[in-house]
Amino acid sequence: MTFKEMNDHAVSVLNELSKAKKPADPNSMLCVICSKSGKFFHGFSTEDVAAEKAAFGAMLATGETAVDSLMLYNVGSKSAEMPEKSSIVFIMTADKKNSAASVIMPDKSVPFTDFGGGAAAAAPAPAPAAEKKNLLLDRVNSLMDGIDEGDDDDEEFLEELDTKKKKKKRFGFF
């Protein structure tokens, strides 16, 4: 995918929003993703979500996971910017094929792997099933122990409530 094609798609998205009287926030970022199948997806940044993750989420919603190229577009300055490493690593962990994807810039194409290795390097090694089972069993047992130990305190607390009710006097017309 070329920079011109990605940039033209970003400008097209912004023009459609303007025509619909819903212009994009000039402080936001727009991410355009081209999937391996050639479809375009886009997403805008919010206070909670990076534009790259929003665009990838739109792609995932259609069942696609393999990214060919990505461009991050600054709406205010109307220029391409480099995405955050964490966003690229997030996308690489979703599908091993995404390690072959690139970030498209005006002067070059930057491989996703330049942001932190391949998908295997980005994803933490899974814990063995036996270890997960033991962790869960230990956690459940510790919770159950905490429940069993509090019986004496409960009786004292209930007695206190009962004595407070008896001592309470009401004044006035009630």
C-alpha atoms as a PDB file:
ATOM      1  CA  MET A   1       0.000   0.000   0.000  1.00  0.00           C
ATOM      2  CA  THR A   2       1.357   3.432  -0.865  1.00  0.00           C
ATOM      3  CA  PHE A   3       1.339   6.580   1.225  1.00  0.00           C
ATOM      4  CA  LYS A   4      -0.848   8.318  -1.359  1.00  0.00           C
ATOM      5  CA  GLU A   5      -3.520   5.596  -1.177  1.00  0.00           C
ATOM      6  CA  MET A   6      -3.551   5.615   2.629  1.00  0.00           C
ATOM      7  CA  ASN A   7      -3.531   9.426   2.812  1.00  0.00           C
ATOM      8  CA  ASP A   8      -6.326   9.688   0.215  1.00  0.00           C
ATOM      9  CA  HIS A   9      -8.445   7.316   2.302  1.00  0.00           C
ATOM     10  CA  ALA A  10      -7.838   9.355   5.468  1.00  0.00           C
ATOM     11  CA  VAL A  11      -8.814  12.587   3.694  1.00  0.00           C
ATOM     12  CA  SER A  12     -11.896  10.855   2.271  1.00  0.00           C
ATOM     13  CA  VAL A  13     -13.026   9.799   5.772  1.00  0.00           C
ATOM     14  CA  LEU A  14     -12.570  13.365   7.064  1.00  0.00           C
ATOM     15  CA  ASN A  15     -14.443  14.828   4.064  1.00  0.00           C
ATOM     16  CA  GLU A  16     -17.374  12.441   4.613  1.00  0.00           C
ATOM     17  CA  LEU A  17     -17.596  13.539   8.243  1.00  0.00           C
ATOM     18  CA  SER A  18     -17.576  17.203   7.228  1.00  0.00           C
ATOM     19  CA  LYS A  19     -20.348  16.607   4.684  1.00  0.00           C
ATOM     20  CA  ALA A  20     -22.399  14.906   7.398  1.00  0.00           C
ATOM     21  CA  LYS A  21     -21.913  18.009   9.594  1.00  0.00           C
ATOM     22  CA  LYS A  22     -19.875  15.948  12.091  1.00  0.00           C
ATOM     23  CA  PRO A  23     -16.339  17.234  11.581  1.00  0.00           C
ATOM     24  CA  ALA A  24     -13.534  15.400  13.368  1.00  0.00           C
ATOM     25  CA  ASP A  25     -11.989  16.964  16.452  1.00  0.00           C
ATOM     26  CA  PRO A  26      -8.818  18.760  15.303  1.00  0.00           C
ATOM     27  CA  ASN A  27      -7.028  17.447  18.416  1.00  0.00           C
ATOM     28  CA  SER A  28      -7.727  13.830  17.498  1.00  0.00           C
ATOM     29  CA  MET A  29      -5.823  11.232  15.554  1.00  0.00           C
ATOM     30  CA  LEU A  30      -7.245   9.112  12.746  1.00  0.00           C
ATOM     31  CA  CYS A  31      -5.834   5.681  12.041  1.00  0.00           C
ATOM     32  CA  VAL A  32      -6.371   4.002   8.684  1.00  0.00           C
ATOM     33  CA  ILE A  33      -5.677   0.275   8.408  1.00  0.00           C
ATOM     34  CA  CYS A  34      -5.585  -1.675   5.169  1.00  0.00           C
ATOM     35  CA  SER A  35      -6.177  -5.377   5.775  1.00  0.00           C
ATOM     36  CA  LYS A  36      -4.467  -8.203   3.894  1.00  0.00           C
ATOM     37  CA  SER A  37      -7.737  -8.585   1.932  1.00  0.00           C
ATOM     38  CA  GLY A  38      -7.469  -4.947   0.769  1.00  0.00           C
ATOM     39  CA  LYS A  39     -10.307  -3.494   2.859  1.00  0.00           C
ATOM     40  CA  PHE A  40      -9.890  -0.179   4.672  1.00  0.00           C
ATOM     41  CA  PHE A  41     -10.800   0.353   8.323  1.00  0.00           C
ATOM     42  CA  HIS A  42     -10.486   3.504  10.378  1.00  0.00           C
ATOM     43  CA  GLY A  43     -10.788   4.700  13.956  1.00  0.00           C
ATOM     44  CA  PHE A  44     -10.394   7.948  15.866  1.00  0.00           C
ATOM     45  CA  SER A  45      -8.588   8.491  19.144  1.00  0.00           C
ATOM     46  CA  THR A  46     -10.604   9.218  22.268  1.00  0.00           C
ATOM     47  CA  GLU A  47      -9.545  10.004  25.812  1.00  0.00           C
ATOM     48  CA  ASP A  48      -9.488   6.273  26.573  1.00  0.00           C
ATOM     49  CA  VAL A  49      -8.550   4.579  23.287  1.00  0.00           C
ATOM     50  CA  ALA A  50      -5.737   5.098  20.805  1.00  0.00           C
ATOM     51  CA  ALA A  51      -6.796   5.541  17.178  1.00  0.00           C
ATOM     52  CA  GLU A  52      -4.796   2.457  16.177  1.00  0.00           C
ATOM     53  CA  LYS A  53      -6.722   0.276  18.616  1.00  0.00           C
ATOM     54  CA  ALA A  54     -10.060   1.795  17.531  1.00  0.00           C
ATOM     55  CA  ALA A  55      -9.324   1.066  13.856  1.00  0.00           C
ATOM     56  CA  PHE A  56      -8.126  -2.443  14.663  1.00  0.00           C
ATOM     57  CA  GLY A  57     -11.294  -2.992  16.721  1.00  0.00           C
ATOM     58  CA  ALA A  58     -13.401  -2.007  13.692  1.00  0.00           C
ATOM     59  CA  MET A  59     -11.423  -4.527  11.661  1.00  0.00           C
ATOM     60  CA  LEU A  60     -11.878  -7.276  14.260  1.00  0.00           C
ATOM     61  CA  ALA A  61     -15.634  -6.620  14.270  1.00  0.00           C
ATOM     62  CA  THR A  62     -15.744  -7.843  10.667  1.00  0.00           C
ATOM     63  CA  GLY A  63     -13.768 -10.988  11.481  1.00  0.00           C
ATOM     64  CA  GLU A  64     -10.507  -9.882   9.882  1.00  0.00           C
ATOM     65  CA  THR A  65      -7.263  -9.924  11.866  1.00  0.00           C
ATOM     66  CA  ALA A  66      -4.432  -9.668   9.308  1.00  0.00           C
ATOM     67  CA  VAL A  67      -3.079  -6.139   8.734  1.00  0.00           C
ATOM     68  CA  ASP A  68      -1.175  -5.143   5.593  1.00  0.00           C
ATOM     69  CA  SER A  69      -0.487  -1.504   6.429  1.00  0.00           C
ATOM     70  CA  LEU A  70      -1.378   1.249   8.863  1.00  0.00           C
ATOM     71  CA  MET A  71      -1.207   5.030   8.774  1.00  0.00           C
ATOM     72  CA  LEU A  72      -1.747   7.365  11.740  1.00  0.00           C
ATOM     73  CA  TYR A  73      -3.056  10.762  10.663  1.00  0.00           C
ATOM     74  CA  ASN A  74      -3.019  13.903  12.833  1.00  0.00           C
ATOM     75  CA  VAL A  75      -6.355  15.604  12.087  1.00  0.00           C
ATOM     76  CA  GLY A  76      -5.179  19.060  13.189  1.00  0.00           C
ATOM     77  CA  SER A  77      -1.870  19.212  11.332  1.00  0.00           C
ATOM     78  CA  LYS A  78      -3.066  16.993   8.458  1.00  0.00           C
ATOM     79  CA  SER A  79       0.116  14.941   8.587  1.00  0.00           C
ATOM     80  CA  ALA A  80       1.196  11.360   9.180  1.00  0.00           C
ATOM     81  CA  GLU A  81       2.725  10.467  12.530  1.00  0.00           C
ATOM     82  CA  MET A  82       4.441   7.440  13.989  1.00  0.00           C
ATOM     83  CA  PRO A  83       2.149   5.333  16.195  1.00  0.00           C
ATOM     84  CA  GLU A  84       2.900   4.355  19.766  1.00  0.00           C
ATOM     85  CA  LYS A  85       4.873   1.154  20.265  1.00  0.00           C
ATOM     86  CA  SER A  86       2.201  -0.279  22.589  1.00  0.00           C
ATOM     87  CA  SER A  87      -0.468   0.007  19.881  1.00  0.00           C
ATOM     88  CA  ILE A  88       1.645  -1.783  17.295  1.00  0.00           C
ATOM     89  CA  VAL A  89       2.602  -4.530  19.766  1.00  0.00           C
ATOM     90  CA  PHE A  90      -1.110  -4.911  20.612  1.00  0.00           C
ATOM     91  CA  ILE A  91      -1.940  -5.438  16.923  1.00  0.00           C
ATOM     92  CA  MET A  92       0.976  -7.844  16.408  1.00  0.00           C
ATOM     93  CA  THR A  93      -0.169 -10.075  19.264  1.00  0.00           C
ATOM     94  CA  ALA A  94      -3.609 -10.533  17.658  1.00  0.00           C
ATOM     95  CA  ASP A  95      -2.281 -12.363  14.588  1.00  0.00           C
ATOM     96  CA  LYS A  96       1.208 -13.667  13.786  1.00  0.00           C
ATOM     97  CA  LYS A  97       0.788 -12.413  10.199  1.00  0.00           C
ATOM     98  CA  ASN A  98       0.761  -8.834  11.498  1.00  0.00           C
ATOM     99  CA  SER A  99       4.517  -8.995  12.081  1.00  0.00           C
ATOM    100  CA  ALA A 100       4.822  -8.554   8.296  1.00  0.00           C
ATOM    101  CA  ALA A 101       2.701  -5.351   8.303  1.00  0.00           C
ATOM    102  CA  SER A 102       4.101  -1.842   7.920  1.00  0.00           C
ATOM    103  CA  VAL A 103       3.451   1.680   9.117  1.00  0.00           C
ATOM    104  CA  ILE A 104       3.173   3.920   6.062  1.00  0.00           C
ATOM    105  CA  MET A 105       4.948   7.278   6.281  1.00  0.00           C
ATOM    106  CA  PRO A 106       5.395   9.899   3.522  1.00  0.00           C
ATOM    107  CA  ASP A 107       9.036   8.995   2.949  1.00  0.00           C
ATOM    108  CA  LYS A 108       9.233   5.342   3.963  1.00  0.00           C
ATOM    109  CA  SER A 109       7.494   2.207   5.120  1.00  0.00           C
ATOM    110  CA  VAL A 110       8.377   1.081   8.674  1.00  0.00           C
ATOM    111  CA  PRO A 111       7.977  -2.638   9.475  1.00  0.00           C
ATOM    112  CA  PHE A 112       5.906  -3.435  12.565  1.00  0.00           C
ATOM    113  CA  THR A 113       8.839  -5.471  13.856  1.00  0.00           C
ATOM    114  CA  ASP A 114      10.824  -2.232  14.257  1.00  0.00           C
ATOM    115  CA  PHE A 115       8.435  -1.363  17.095  1.00  0.00           C
ATOM    116  CA  GLY A 116       9.395  -4.280  19.299  1.00  0.00           C
ATOM    117  CA  GLY A 117       9.983  -7.588  17.601  1.00  0.00           C
ATOM    118  CA  GLY A 118       7.615 -10.132  16.187  1.00  0.00           C
ATOM    119  CA  ALA A 119       4.351 -11.354  17.662  1.00  0.00           C
ATOM    120  CA  ALA A 120       6.186 -14.081  19.567  1.00  0.00           C
ATOM    121  CA  ALA A 121       8.418 -11.526  21.283  1.00  0.00           C
ATOM    122  CA  ALA A 122       5.470  -9.268  22.108  1.00  0.00           C
ATOM    123  CA  ALA A 123       3.241 -11.910  23.649  1.00  0.00           C
ATOM    124  CA  PRO A 124       4.073 -13.191  27.130  1.00  0.00           C
ATOM    125  CA  ALA A 125       4.651 -16.907  27.436  1.00  0.00           C
ATOM    126  CA  PRO A 126       1.502 -18.633  28.678  1.00  0.00           C
ATOM    127  CA  ALA A 127       1.652 -20.282  32.079  1.00  0.00           C
ATOM    128  CA  PRO A 128       1.401 -24.072  32.073  1.00  0.00           C
ATOM    129  CA  ALA A 129      -2.130 -25.370  32.694  1.00  0.00           C
ATOM    130  CA  ALA A 130      -1.112 -27.141  35.914  1.00  0.00           C
ATOM    131  CA  GLU A 131       0.383 -23.911  37.279  1.00  0.00           C
ATOM    132  CA  LYS A 132      -2.830 -21.967  36.454  1.00  0.00           C
ATOM    133  CA  LYS A 133      -4.921 -24.633  38.181  1.00  0.00           C
ATOM    134  CA  ASN A 134      -2.764 -24.452  41.316  1.00  0.00           C
ATOM    135  CA  LEU A 135      -2.966 -20.644  41.384  1.00  0.00           C
ATOM    136  CA  LEU A 136      -6.746 -20.771  41.152  1.00  0.00           C
ATOM    137  CA  LEU A 137      -7.009 -23.505  43.789  1.00  0.00           C
ATOM    138  CA  ASP A 138      -4.729 -21.575  46.172  1.00  0.00           C
ATOM    139  CA  ARG A 139      -6.783 -18.407  45.680  1.00  0.00           C
ATOM    140  CA  VAL A 140     -10.099 -20.184  46.324  1.00  0.00           C
ATOM    141  CA  ASN A 141      -8.691 -21.857  49.446  1.00  0.00           C
ATOM    142  CA  SER A 142      -7.420 -18.537  50.817  1.00  0.00           C
ATOM    143  CA  LEU A 143     -10.842 -16.964  50.274  1.00  0.00           C
ATOM    144  CA  MET A 144     -12.573 -19.870  52.000  1.00  0.00           C
ATOM    145  CA  ASP A 145     -10.165 -19.671  54.958  1.00  0.00           C
ATOM    146  CA  GLY A 146     -11.055 -16.005  55.371  1.00  0.00           C
ATOM    147  CA  ILE A 147     -14.753 -16.857  55.507  1.00  0.00           C
ATOM    148  CA  ASP A 148     -14.321 -19.570  58.145  1.00  0.00           C
ATOM    149  CA  GLU A 149     -12.206 -17.434  60.502  1.00  0.00           C
ATOM    150  CA  GLY A 150     -14.712 -14.623  61.041  1.00  0.00           C
ATOM    151  CA  ASP A 151     -17.457 -16.516  62.975  1.00  0.00           C
ATOM    152  CA  ASP A 152     -16.534 -15.272  66.500  1.00  0.00           C
ATOM    153  CA  ASP A 153     -16.463 -11.657  65.383  1.00  0.00           C
ATOM    154  CA  ASP A 154     -19.925 -12.051  63.847  1.00  0.00           C
ATOM    155  CA  GLU A 155     -21.467 -13.207  67.136  1.00  0.00           C
ATOM    156  CA  GLU A 156     -19.908 -10.294  69.055  1.00  0.00           C
ATOM    157  CA  PHE A 157     -21.109  -7.844  66.440  1.00  0.00           C
ATOM    158  CA  LEU A 158     -24.675  -9.184  66.580  1.00  0.00           C
ATOM    159  CA  GLU A 159     -24.695  -8.942  70.390  1.00  0.00           C
ATOM    160  CA  GLU A 160     -23.533  -5.318  70.182  1.00  0.00           C
ATOM    161  CA  LEU A 161     -26.353  -4.493  67.785  1.00  0.00           C
ATOM    162  CA  ASP A 162     -28.893  -6.128  70.067  1.00  0.00           C
ATOM    163  CA  THR A 163     -27.717  -4.167  73.147  1.00  0.00           C
ATOM    164  CA  LYS A 164     -27.680  -0.874  71.241  1.00  0.00           C
ATOM    165  CA  LYS A 165     -31.280  -1.390  70.193  1.00  0.00           C
ATOM    166  CA  LYS A 166     -32.370  -1.898  73.798  1.00  0.00           C
ATOM    167  CA  LYS A 167     -30.583   1.239  75.025  1.00  0.00           C
ATOM    168  CA  LYS A 168     -31.991   3.499  72.358  1.00  0.00           C
ATOM    169  CA  LYS A 169     -34.599   5.931  73.720  1.00  0.00           C
ATOM    170  CA  ARG A 170     -36.764   8.130  71.621  1.00  0.00           C
ATOM    171  CA  PHE A 171     -37.815  11.614  72.493  1.00  0.00           C
ATOM    172  CA  GLY A 172     -40.482  13.800  71.051  1.00  0.00           C
ATOM    173  CA  PHE A 173     -43.895  13.031  69.671  1.00  0.00           C
ATOM    174  CA  PHE A 174     -42.964   9.771  67.957  1.00  0.00           C
END
